[in-house]
Amino acid sequence: MQPWSFNQPVLLNKSRRNRSVLVWTIAGATAFAGAWAFLAPLPETVALQGKLQPARPVQDIESAVDGLVAAVPVKEGDSVAVGDLLVRFDPRDAETRLQAARRKRGQLQSQIAINRVILGEQAEADLTANQQRQLETQRRKYNSDNVAAREALARSTTRLEGLRQSLETAENITLRFSRLLQDGAASEMQALRAQTQVDNFRNQIAAEEREVARLEAQASSTSAGSESELRRAIETNLRGITDLDREIRQMEVRLSVIDVRAPIAGVVFDLSVSPGSVVKTASEEKPLLKIIPQDQLQAKVYIPNSAIGFIQPGQRADVAVNSFPRGDYGFIPATVERVGSDALTTAEQRRVLGTEEPGLFFPAVLKLSRQTLQAGQRQVPLQPGMSLVADVHLRNRRFISSIAGGLDNRLRALERMR
């Protein structure tokens, strides 16, 4: 039995139809790719770092006065409304000083009124019963000083009169001894002693006359001196009242701010005081606490100098919060609301960005279309301070322009190798 074999020649011809289909497919795909490259838009975006913050800035709550903290009725994370009590200072020191100043002021005013009555500048009927008693005491002292001066003058005048009479007697005796001495009936020693007595009386009279003149001047000046003393006391008391009025106003202002209340509605955070804390405004660098306003959040981002010329208000942006994966939670549509014109300083860049990258950065604010992230049926609310990345849509470029731009950049890089 012979094995089977295929011994008839068969001619296999290529199908012209299949070849043309392949050619046209390749040509069509190439034409489509070329047309797409020339016509299809390619969005160009820039990624900006930033964080979420309230539309209004965080409010620092500071103390207007020094003092001891008596109570702090709020704690970290509490929500407060406008006017809610945040911190209360101990009012006892201010109240004590206020009462003492008012009491001292009343005493000075009372003394001024009494002095003016003594000077005849005010009616005694205007005084209170207590002031009238003080007036009588002061009058007695005033009168006793005058009486003492007059009595001293009277005693000195009496002594002067006695000395003058004694001088007259001594002169008569001296005259008699002089006659007797001439007649030889008396010794020269007796006449000399009589003359010495006359000289002594004359010296005593001269001294007493000076004392009388002094006492007369003192008596006349006692009244005038008392009047000038009263006027000086009035002026001193008026200055004291001015100082006390200033202290009273300070204590009243201090008592008016003993209670520190919330100026805005928001959430308490960064609470730095507790009951018993001593606050000194001159040395305190940290506020008592801070309040995050209960406003809609906005995204604050920082634009590098290379992109600032392409960003302007009204441009679209996609905001992704770093705490939530973009693949699961998506992004939040946003719009550029305003762009800052002043670049950050080096210190501000270090504080807000945490880096010292070379170049300038400009702040910008994005308005969010919603305040939550969507994860299936669950909505996650946004919180202030969350870090984010915002892709701002700068412009639409054709795909071919991107390729040409890349090639141009490579070519220029090669040209600059030298």
Protein backbone atom coordinates (compact mmCIF):
# COMPACT_ATOMS: atom_id res chain seq x y z
CA MET A 1 0.00 0.00 0.00
CA GLN A 2 1.49 3.35 -1.07
CA PRO A 3 1.48 6.28 1.30
CA TRP A 4 -0.75 9.15 0.55
CA SER A 5 0.83 12.23 -0.93
CA PHE A 6 -0.34 15.45 -2.36
CA ASN A 7 0.99 15.64 -5.82
CA GLN A 8 -1.19 18.29 -7.34
CA PRO A 9 0.31 21.75 -7.51
CA VAL A 10 -1.76 24.51 -5.91
CA LEU A 11 -1.17 28.19 -6.55
CA LEU A 12 -1.91 30.52 -3.57
CA ASN A 13 -2.54 34.07 -4.69
CA LYS A 14 -2.45 37.04 -2.27
CA SER A 15 -5.75 38.79 -1.86
CA ARG A 16 -5.49 42.34 -3.15
CA ARG A 17 -8.50 43.29 -1.06
CA ASN A 18 -6.83 42.44 2.27
CA ARG A 19 -3.72 44.34 1.33
CA SER A 20 -5.64 47.49 0.48
CA VAL A 21 -7.60 47.29 3.74
CA LEU A 22 -4.37 47.12 5.73
CA VAL A 23 -2.87 50.01 3.82
CA TRP A 24 -5.92 52.18 4.25
CA THR A 25 -6.14 51.29 7.94
CA ILE A 26 -2.58 52.37 8.55
CA ALA A 27 -3.05 55.52 6.50
CA GLY A 28 -6.28 56.38 8.30
CA ALA A 29 -4.73 55.82 11.70
CA THR A 30 -1.77 57.98 10.77
CA ALA A 31 -4.02 60.72 9.44
CA PHE A 32 -6.19 60.56 12.55
CA ALA A 33 -3.15 60.72 14.83
CA GLY A 34 -1.79 63.66 12.91
CA ALA A 35 -5.11 65.48 12.99
CA TRP A 36 -5.52 64.73 16.69
CA ALA A 37 -2.00 66.01 17.37
CA PHE A 38 -2.77 69.26 15.55
CA LEU A 39 -6.33 69.76 16.76
CA ALA A 40 -6.80 67.97 20.10
CA PRO A 41 -6.45 70.27 23.17
CA LEU A 42 -4.08 69.26 25.94
CA PRO A 43 -4.77 71.01 29.26
CA GLU A 44 -1.73 72.57 30.89
CA THR A 45 -1.85 72.81 34.69
CA VAL A 46 0.45 73.81 37.51
CA ALA A 47 0.44 72.07 40.90
CA LEU A 48 0.42 74.45 43.87
CA GLN A 49 0.93 73.62 47.52
CA GLY A 50 -1.32 75.19 50.13
CA LYS A 51 -3.75 74.62 52.97
CA LEU A 52 -7.37 75.18 53.92
CA GLN A 53 -8.22 78.23 55.98
CA PRO A 54 -11.34 80.23 56.91
CA ALA A 55 -12.33 83.18 54.75
CA ARG A 56 -11.62 85.42 57.74
CA PRO A 57 -8.25 85.11 59.51
CA VAL A 58 -7.88 83.27 62.80
CA GLN A 59 -8.68 85.67 65.65
CA ASP A 60 -6.04 86.06 68.37
CA ILE A 61 -7.62 86.77 71.77
CA GLU A 62 -5.28 88.90 73.86
CA SER A 63 -5.57 90.51 77.28
CA ALA A 64 -5.89 94.28 77.58
CA VAL A 65 -4.77 94.30 81.24
CA ASP A 66 -2.43 92.48 83.60
CA GLY A 67 -3.92 90.23 86.21
CA LEU A 68 -4.62 86.83 87.71
CA VAL A 69 -6.85 84.47 85.72
CA ALA A 70 -9.82 83.47 87.88
CA ALA A 71 -11.78 81.24 85.48
CA VAL A 72 -11.58 79.76 81.98
CA PRO A 73 -15.04 78.37 81.16
CA VAL A 74 -14.04 77.07 77.70
CA LYS A 75 -11.70 74.32 76.58
CA GLU A 76 -9.88 73.39 73.42
CA GLY A 77 -12.26 72.59 70.56
CA ASP A 78 -15.36 74.24 72.07
CA SER A 79 -17.65 76.18 69.76
CA VAL A 80 -18.40 79.70 70.96
CA ALA A 81 -20.82 82.40 69.85
CA VAL A 82 -20.29 86.14 69.79
CA GLY A 83 -20.24 87.46 73.37
CA ASP A 84 -19.55 84.12 75.08
CA LEU A 85 -17.26 84.33 78.12
CA LEU A 86 -13.76 83.04 77.36
CA VAL A 87 -11.55 84.16 80.26
CA ARG A 88 -12.33 85.94 83.54
CA PHE A 89 -9.69 87.79 85.55
CA ASP A 90 -9.72 88.22 89.33
CA PRO A 91 -11.37 91.63 90.01
CA ARG A 92 -10.46 91.95 93.70
CA ASP A 93 -7.25 93.93 93.29
CA ALA A 94 -8.85 96.41 90.88
CA GLU A 95 -11.93 96.79 93.09
CA THR A 96 -9.80 97.44 96.19
CA ARG A 97 -7.70 100.06 94.43
CA LEU A 98 -10.81 101.70 92.98
CA GLN A 99 -12.49 101.96 96.39
CA ALA A 100 -9.31 103.36 97.99
CA ALA A 101 -8.91 105.96 95.24
CA ARG A 102 -12.54 107.07 95.52
CA ARG A 103 -12.28 107.30 99.31
CA LYS A 104 -9.08 109.37 99.12
CA ARG A 105 -10.62 111.61 96.48
CA GLY A 106 -13.58 112.29 98.77
CA GLN A 107 -11.24 113.23 101.62
CA LEU A 108 -9.34 115.70 99.45
CA GLN A 109 -12.56 117.28 98.17
CA SER A 110 -13.80 117.63 101.76
CA GLN A 111 -10.56 119.33 102.85
CA ILE A 112 -10.74 121.73 99.91
CA ALA A 113 -14.29 122.73 100.86
CA ILE A 114 -13.27 123.33 104.50
CA ASN A 115 -10.29 125.47 103.52
CA ARG A 116 -12.44 127.57 101.20
CA VAL A 117 -14.94 128.20 104.01
CA ILE A 118 -12.10 129.37 106.27
CA LEU A 119 -10.91 131.69 103.50
CA GLY A 120 -14.45 133.01 103.06
CA GLU A 121 -14.75 131.69 99.51
CA GLN A 122 -17.57 129.27 100.27
CA ALA A 123 -20.62 129.31 102.52
CA GLU A 124 -20.45 127.19 105.64
CA ALA A 125 -24.00 126.01 105.01
CA ASP A 126 -22.76 124.03 101.99
CA LEU A 127 -20.74 121.72 104.25
CA THR A 128 -21.95 118.38 105.51
CA ALA A 129 -22.20 117.66 109.23
CA ASN A 130 -18.88 115.81 109.23
CA GLN A 131 -17.20 118.64 107.31
CA GLN A 132 -18.55 121.19 109.79
CA ARG A 133 -17.01 119.24 112.67
CA GLN A 134 -13.67 119.23 110.85
CA LEU A 135 -14.07 122.95 110.22
CA GLU A 136 -14.49 123.67 113.95
CA THR A 137 -11.39 121.64 114.78
CA GLN A 138 -9.35 123.50 112.18
CA ARG A 139 -10.67 126.87 113.33
CA ARG A 140 -9.66 126.14 116.92
CA LYS A 141 -6.17 125.27 115.76
CA TYR A 142 -6.06 128.39 113.60
CA ASN A 143 -7.30 130.59 116.47
CA SER A 144 -4.94 129.00 118.99
CA ASP A 145 -1.97 129.86 116.78
CA ASN A 146 -3.11 133.48 116.59
CA VAL A 147 -3.74 133.68 120.35
CA ALA A 148 -0.29 132.28 121.11
CA ALA A 149 1.34 134.87 118.85
CA ARG A 150 -0.62 137.74 120.46
CA GLU A 151 0.14 136.53 123.99
CA ALA A 152 3.86 136.33 123.24
CA LEU A 153 3.76 139.88 121.85
CA ALA A 154 1.90 141.14 124.95
CA ARG A 155 4.46 139.56 127.30
CA SER A 156 7.34 141.10 125.39
CA THR A 157 5.66 144.52 125.39
CA THR A 158 5.13 144.31 129.16
CA ARG A 159 8.78 143.44 129.71
CA LEU A 160 9.80 146.39 127.52
CA GLU A 161 7.70 148.80 129.57
CA GLY A 162 9.21 147.47 132.80
CA LEU A 163 12.73 147.87 131.45
CA ARG A 164 12.02 151.45 130.42
CA GLN A 165 10.76 152.28 133.91
CA SER A 166 13.81 150.63 135.44
CA LEU A 167 16.03 152.64 133.10
CA GLU A 168 14.35 155.87 134.17
CA THR A 169 14.94 154.99 137.83
CA ALA A 170 18.56 154.03 137.18
CA GLU A 171 19.18 157.30 135.34
CA ASN A 172 17.79 159.30 138.32
CA ILE A 173 20.07 157.40 140.68
CA THR A 174 23.07 157.99 138.43
CA LEU A 175 22.27 161.71 138.28
CA ARG A 176 22.14 161.92 142.12
CA PHE A 177 25.44 160.04 142.47
CA SER A 178 27.01 162.46 140.02
CA ARG A 179 25.93 165.46 142.17
CA LEU A 180 27.06 163.76 145.36
CA LEU A 181 30.39 162.95 143.71
CA GLN A 182 30.84 166.62 142.89
CA ASP A 183 30.08 167.56 146.51
CA GLY A 184 32.41 164.82 147.79
CA ALA A 185 29.57 162.97 149.50
CA ALA A 186 29.87 159.82 147.33
CA SER A 187 32.74 157.81 145.96
CA GLU A 188 33.60 157.52 142.32
CA MET A 189 32.99 153.75 142.48
CA GLN A 190 29.37 154.25 143.49
CA ALA A 191 28.81 156.64 140.58
CA LEU A 192 30.42 154.16 138.17
CA ARG A 193 28.21 151.28 139.36
CA ALA A 194 25.12 153.44 138.87
CA GLN A 195 26.18 154.30 135.30
CA THR A 196 26.86 150.63 134.55
CA GLN A 197 23.32 149.79 135.67
CA VAL A 198 21.96 152.41 133.28
CA ASP A 199 23.95 150.93 130.37
CA ASN A 200 22.67 147.42 131.16
CA PHE A 201 19.05 148.57 131.12
CA ARG A 202 19.59 150.35 127.83
CA ASN A 203 21.04 147.17 126.26
CA GLN A 204 18.11 145.09 127.57
CA ILE A 205 15.64 147.63 126.22
CA ALA A 206 17.27 147.50 122.77
CA ALA A 207 17.11 143.69 122.77
CA GLU A 208 13.50 143.66 123.93
CA GLU A 209 12.53 146.21 121.29
CA ARG A 210 13.94 143.88 118.65
CA GLU A 211 11.96 140.99 120.16
CA VAL A 212 8.77 143.06 120.13
CA ALA A 213 9.35 143.94 116.48
CA ARG A 214 9.88 140.27 115.68
CA LEU A 215 6.75 139.17 117.51
CA GLU A 216 4.70 141.91 115.88
CA ALA A 217 5.90 140.72 112.47
CA GLN A 218 5.18 137.13 113.45
CA ALA A 219 1.70 138.00 114.69
CA SER A 220 0.89 139.86 111.51
CA SER A 221 2.31 137.09 109.36
CA THR A 222 0.49 134.34 111.24
CA SER A 223 -2.79 135.33 109.67
CA ALA A 224 -1.27 135.89 106.23
CA GLY A 225 0.82 132.74 106.57
CA SER A 226 -2.22 130.67 107.47
CA GLU A 227 -4.07 132.00 104.44
CA SER A 228 -1.21 131.22 102.05
CA GLU A 229 -0.82 127.80 103.65
CA LEU A 230 -4.51 127.10 103.09
CA ARG A 231 -4.24 128.11 99.44
CA ARG A 232 -1.18 125.90 98.94
CA ALA A 233 -3.08 123.03 100.51
CA ILE A 234 -5.98 123.60 98.11
CA GLU A 235 -3.64 123.52 95.11
CA THR A 236 -1.92 120.37 96.37
CA ASN A 237 -5.26 118.65 96.93
CA LEU A 238 -6.47 119.64 93.46
CA ARG A 239 -3.38 118.02 91.92
CA GLY A 240 -3.98 114.96 94.05
CA ILE A 241 -7.59 114.78 92.82
CA THR A 242 -6.35 114.92 89.21
CA ASP A 243 -4.02 111.98 89.84
CA LEU A 244 -6.77 110.06 91.61
CA ASP A 245 -9.21 110.71 88.76
CA ARG A 246 -6.67 109.17 86.38
CA GLU A 247 -6.27 106.13 88.62
CA ILE A 248 -10.04 105.77 88.99
CA ARG A 249 -10.49 105.78 85.21
CA GLN A 250 -7.77 103.15 84.85
CA MET A 251 -9.39 100.90 87.42
CA GLU A 252 -12.83 101.36 85.85
CA VAL A 253 -11.40 100.43 82.43
CA ARG A 254 -9.67 97.44 83.99
CA LEU A 255 -12.89 96.25 85.59
CA SER A 256 -14.72 96.71 82.29
CA VAL A 257 -12.36 94.21 80.60
CA ILE A 258 -12.16 91.74 83.47
CA ASP A 259 -14.35 89.43 81.37
CA VAL A 260 -12.82 88.53 78.00
CA ARG A 261 -15.60 87.61 75.57
CA ALA A 262 -15.62 86.14 72.08
CA PRO A 263 -15.62 88.83 69.36
CA ILE A 264 -16.61 86.31 66.69
CA ALA A 265 -18.26 82.91 66.48
CA GLY A 266 -15.90 80.01 65.99
CA VAL A 267 -13.94 77.17 67.54
CA VAL A 268 -11.48 77.60 70.42
CA PHE A 269 -7.95 76.33 69.92
CA ASP A 270 -4.40 76.97 71.16
CA LEU A 271 -5.66 77.78 74.67
CA SER A 272 -2.62 78.95 76.67
CA VAL A 273 -4.06 80.01 80.07
CA SER A 274 -5.79 78.28 82.95
CA PRO A 275 -7.18 79.35 86.35
CA GLY A 276 -4.33 80.73 88.43
CA SER A 277 -2.24 81.91 85.48
CA VAL A 278 -0.66 85.36 85.82
CA VAL A 279 -0.88 87.44 82.64
CA LYS A 280 1.49 90.33 81.97
CA THR A 281 0.69 92.16 78.75
CA ALA A 282 4.15 93.73 78.47
CA SER A 283 5.96 90.37 78.31
CA GLU A 284 3.34 88.04 76.83
CA GLU A 285 4.13 87.04 73.24
CA LYS A 286 1.42 84.38 72.97
CA PRO A 287 -2.31 85.24 72.98
CA LEU A 288 -4.65 83.85 75.61
CA LEU A 289 -6.29 81.68 72.96
CA LYS A 290 -7.31 81.69 69.31
CA ILE A 291 -10.68 81.36 67.62
CA ILE A 292 -11.13 79.78 64.20
CA PRO A 293 -14.07 81.55 62.53
CA GLN A 294 -17.02 79.39 61.51
CA ASP A 295 -16.83 80.60 57.93
CA GLN A 296 -16.64 78.69 54.67
CA LEU A 297 -13.14 77.40 54.06
CA GLN A 298 -10.98 78.55 51.20
CA ALA A 299 -7.73 77.26 49.79
CA LYS A 300 -4.67 79.44 50.17
CA VAL A 301 -1.91 78.42 47.77
CA TYR A 302 1.50 79.76 46.84
CA ILE A 303 2.40 80.36 43.20
CA PRO A 304 6.04 80.08 42.06
CA ASN A 305 7.47 82.95 40.10
CA SER A 306 7.61 80.79 36.95
CA ALA A 307 3.80 80.46 36.88
CA ILE A 308 2.60 83.79 38.27
CA GLY A 309 2.24 85.29 34.80
CA PHE A 310 -0.25 82.60 33.72
CA ILE A 311 -2.60 82.70 36.72
CA GLN A 312 -5.38 85.23 37.09
CA PRO A 313 -8.75 85.41 38.88
CA GLY A 314 -11.48 83.27 37.35
CA GLN A 315 -9.32 80.31 36.30
CA ARG A 316 -10.44 76.80 37.20
CA ALA A 317 -8.59 74.55 39.62
CA ASP A 318 -8.91 71.04 41.05
CA VAL A 319 -8.15 70.80 44.77
CA ALA A 320 -7.04 67.51 46.31
CA VAL A 321 -6.64 67.22 50.09
CA ASN A 322 -3.47 65.38 51.06
CA SER A 323 -5.18 63.59 53.95
CA PHE A 324 -7.56 61.77 51.58
CA PRO A 325 -6.39 59.73 48.55
CA ARG A 326 -7.51 61.38 45.35
CA GLY A 327 -8.49 58.04 43.81
CA ASP A 328 -11.02 57.37 46.58
CA TYR A 329 -12.25 60.85 47.43
CA GLY A 330 -11.74 62.72 44.19
CA PHE A 331 -11.11 66.45 44.09
CA ILE A 332 -13.01 69.65 44.78
CA PRO A 333 -13.58 72.06 41.89
CA ALA A 334 -12.39 75.57 42.71
CA THR A 335 -11.89 78.98 41.14
CA VAL A 336 -9.02 81.42 41.53
CA GLU A 337 -10.51 84.30 43.54
CA ARG A 338 -7.53 86.62 43.98
CA VAL A 339 -3.78 86.64 43.44
CA GLY A 340 -1.37 88.51 45.68
CA SER A 341 0.99 91.05 44.18
CA ASP A 342 3.68 90.86 46.87
CA ALA A 343 5.98 87.86 47.07
CA LEU A 344 6.67 86.11 50.36
CA THR A 345 9.74 87.17 52.28
CA THR A 346 12.31 84.56 53.22
CA ALA A 347 10.97 84.39 56.78
CA GLU A 348 7.36 84.05 55.56
CA GLN A 349 8.38 81.38 53.07
CA ARG A 350 10.08 79.41 55.83
CA ARG A 351 7.03 79.78 58.07
CA VAL A 352 4.24 78.95 55.61
CA LEU A 353 6.03 76.57 53.25
CA GLY A 354 8.52 75.07 55.65
CA THR A 355 11.27 75.35 53.03
CA GLU A 356 13.78 77.80 51.72
CA GLU A 357 13.45 76.93 48.06
CA PRO A 358 15.05 79.38 45.66
CA GLY A 359 12.76 81.74 43.82
CA LEU A 360 9.77 83.86 44.69
CA PHE A 361 6.32 82.66 45.77
CA PHE A 362 3.09 84.67 45.56
CA PRO A 363 0.00 83.92 47.70
CA ALA A 364 -3.34 83.24 46.03
CA VAL A 365 -6.82 82.31 47.26
CA LEU A 366 -9.08 79.68 45.65
CA LYS A 367 -12.83 79.59 46.24
CA LEU A 368 -14.11 76.04 46.77
CA SER A 369 -17.31 74.88 45.11
CA ARG A 370 -18.21 72.74 48.16
CA GLN A 371 -17.06 72.21 51.72
CA THR A 372 -16.99 68.40 51.77
CA LEU A 373 -15.27 65.47 50.07
CA GLN A 374 -17.42 62.73 48.57
CA ALA A 375 -16.57 59.09 49.33
CA GLY A 376 -19.40 57.01 47.88
CA GLN A 377 -22.49 57.97 49.82
CA ARG A 378 -20.46 59.48 52.65
CA GLN A 379 -19.51 63.13 52.86
CA VAL A 380 -16.37 64.10 54.75
CA PRO A 381 -16.34 67.71 56.04
CA LEU A 382 -13.22 69.77 55.50
CA GLN A 383 -11.22 71.08 58.43
CA PRO A 384 -9.08 74.24 58.68
CA GLY A 385 -5.37 73.64 58.36
CA MET A 386 -5.56 70.62 56.02
CA SER A 387 -2.73 70.63 53.48
CA LEU A 388 -3.65 70.35 49.81
CA VAL A 389 -2.44 70.34 46.24
CA ALA A 390 -4.32 72.49 43.72
CA ASP A 391 -3.98 71.86 39.99
CA VAL A 392 -4.71 75.22 38.38
CA HIS A 393 -5.69 75.08 34.69
CA LEU A 394 -3.44 77.56 32.95
CA ARG A 395 -4.36 77.06 29.28
CA ASN A 396 -5.11 74.47 26.58
CA ARG A 397 -2.30 73.60 24.17
CA ARG A 398 -2.30 71.37 21.11
CA PHE A 399 -0.50 68.09 21.56
CA ILE A 400 1.86 68.87 18.70
CA SER A 401 2.81 72.14 20.43
CA SER A 402 3.83 70.22 23.52
CA ILE A 403 6.00 67.88 21.46
CA ALA A 404 7.51 70.77 19.52
CA GLY A 405 8.13 72.67 22.73
CA GLY A 406 9.87 69.68 24.26
CA LEU A 407 12.06 69.20 21.20
CA ASP A 408 12.87 72.92 21.15
CA ASN A 409 13.90 72.80 24.80
CA ARG A 410 16.14 69.79 24.14
CA LEU A 411 17.71 71.53 21.17
CA ARG A 412 18.41 74.66 23.16
CA ALA A 413 19.87 72.56 25.96
CA LEU A 414 22.26 70.95 23.48
CA GLU A 415 23.20 74.36 22.12
CA ARG A 416 23.99 75.59 25.61
CA MET A 417 26.29 72.73 26.51
CA ARG A 418 29.23 74.95 25.71
